[in-house]
Amino acid sequence: MMLNFNRNIQFTKLLKAEGRLREFNFRKLTGLHEGLMTVDVSDDRGNRIMFTMQKNGNGWSFHNDFVLPDWINDQEHNLSDMIEEELRQLIGD
């Protein structure tokens, strides 16, 4: 019997967006959804905004069909850099 273990990767990063520090929570999906990362963040009213980012080449981009607020769209590059940096630290090069 062969066992395969998949590492569960979850982390939180703080990022200044729309003039305030916001907590972005990341969770890497495994299995059939390899190369996808779910992200959630609270808006000013405390509502959770959830979206997915997909690995493309050397970075990550939004993988949603719905429209995200501009303050999230403006952070796509920073979110991608955060994911890459954390994965390098956790998994190694």
Protein backbone atom coordinates (compact mmCIF):
# COMPACT_ATOMS: atom_id res chain seq x y z
CA MET A 1 0.00 0.00 0.00
CA MET A 2 1.44 3.34 -1.06
CA LEU A 3 0.59 6.50 0.84
CA ASN A 4 0.92 9.98 -0.62
CA PHE A 5 1.02 12.97 1.67
CA ASN A 6 0.20 16.44 0.38
CA ARG A 7 1.40 19.38 2.37
CA ASN A 8 -1.37 21.78 3.40
CA ILE A 9 -0.13 25.32 2.82
CA GLN A 10 -1.95 28.21 4.50
CA PHE A 11 -0.58 31.61 5.42
CA THR A 12 -1.64 35.17 6.17
CA LYS A 13 0.00 38.37 4.94
CA LEU A 14 -0.67 42.02 5.72
CA LEU A 15 -0.82 44.43 2.80
CA LYS A 16 -1.77 48.10 2.64
CA ALA A 17 -4.68 48.49 0.23
CA GLU A 18 -7.00 51.47 -0.21
CA GLY A 19 -5.23 53.36 2.55
CA ARG A 20 -5.43 50.74 5.28
CA LEU A 21 -3.63 47.60 6.35
CA ARG A 22 -5.58 44.50 5.33
CA GLU A 23 -5.14 40.85 6.22
CA PHE A 24 -5.06 38.53 3.21
CA ASN A 25 -5.47 34.80 3.97
CA PHE A 26 -4.05 32.33 1.44
CA ARG A 27 -4.68 28.61 1.04
CA LYS A 28 -3.02 26.49 -1.64
CA LEU A 29 -5.27 23.91 -3.25
CA THR A 30 -3.89 20.46 -4.02
CA GLY A 31 -5.01 17.46 -6.02
CA LEU A 32 -7.01 18.26 -9.14
CA HIS A 33 -6.72 21.97 -8.39
CA GLU A 34 -2.92 22.11 -8.35
CA GLY A 35 -1.71 25.59 -9.23
CA LEU A 36 -4.64 27.36 -7.57
CA MET A 37 -4.61 29.50 -4.45
CA THR A 38 -7.73 30.70 -2.64
CA VAL A 39 -7.52 34.14 -1.05
CA ASP A 40 -9.89 35.93 1.28
CA VAL A 41 -9.89 39.42 2.76
CA SER A 42 -12.38 41.61 4.64
CA ASP A 43 -13.78 44.81 3.18
CA ASP A 44 -14.52 47.96 5.21
CA ARG A 45 -17.83 46.54 6.42
CA GLY A 46 -16.31 43.25 7.57
CA ASN A 47 -17.68 41.22 4.65
CA ARG A 48 -15.33 38.48 3.40
CA ILE A 49 -14.27 38.76 -0.22
CA MET A 50 -13.07 35.42 -1.56
CA PHE A 51 -11.28 34.88 -4.85
CA THR A 52 -8.89 32.49 -6.55
CA MET A 53 -5.47 33.07 -8.05
CA GLN A 54 -3.93 30.74 -10.63
CA LYS A 55 -0.28 29.99 -11.34
CA ASN A 56 0.78 31.24 -14.78
CA GLY A 57 4.42 31.08 -15.75
CA ASN A 58 6.47 32.80 -13.05
CA GLY A 59 3.59 34.50 -11.26
CA TRP A 60 -0.03 34.34 -10.13
CA SER A 61 -3.08 36.07 -11.61
CA PHE A 62 -6.76 36.35 -10.75
CA HIS A 63 -8.84 33.35 -11.78
CA ASN A 64 -12.37 34.68 -11.23
CA ASP A 65 -15.31 35.34 -13.50
CA PHE A 66 -16.76 38.00 -11.21
CA VAL A 67 -15.60 41.57 -10.73
CA LEU A 68 -13.37 42.29 -7.74
CA PRO A 69 -13.14 45.71 -6.07
CA ASP A 70 -10.51 48.03 -7.54
CA TRP A 71 -8.48 48.00 -4.31
CA ILE A 72 -7.98 44.25 -4.80
CA ASN A 73 -7.38 44.46 -8.57
CA ASP A 74 -4.68 47.06 -7.96
CA GLN A 75 -2.82 44.59 -5.71
CA GLU A 76 -2.58 41.65 -8.15
CA HIS A 77 1.17 42.03 -8.65
CA ASN A 78 1.83 42.43 -4.89
CA LEU A 79 -0.33 39.38 -4.08
CA SER A 80 1.55 37.35 -6.69
CA ASP A 81 4.89 38.39 -5.20
CA MET A 82 3.69 37.49 -1.69
CA ILE A 83 2.62 34.02 -2.82
CA GLU A 84 5.89 33.35 -4.63
CA GLU A 85 7.96 34.54 -1.66
CA GLU A 86 6.03 32.39 0.82
CA LEU A 87 6.18 29.29 -1.37
CA ARG A 88 9.94 29.74 -1.83
CA GLN A 89 10.36 29.88 1.96
CA LEU A 90 8.08 26.90 2.66
CA ILE A 91 8.98 24.60 -0.20
CA GLY A 92 12.41 25.89 -1.22
CA ASP A 93 13.76 26.45 -4.70
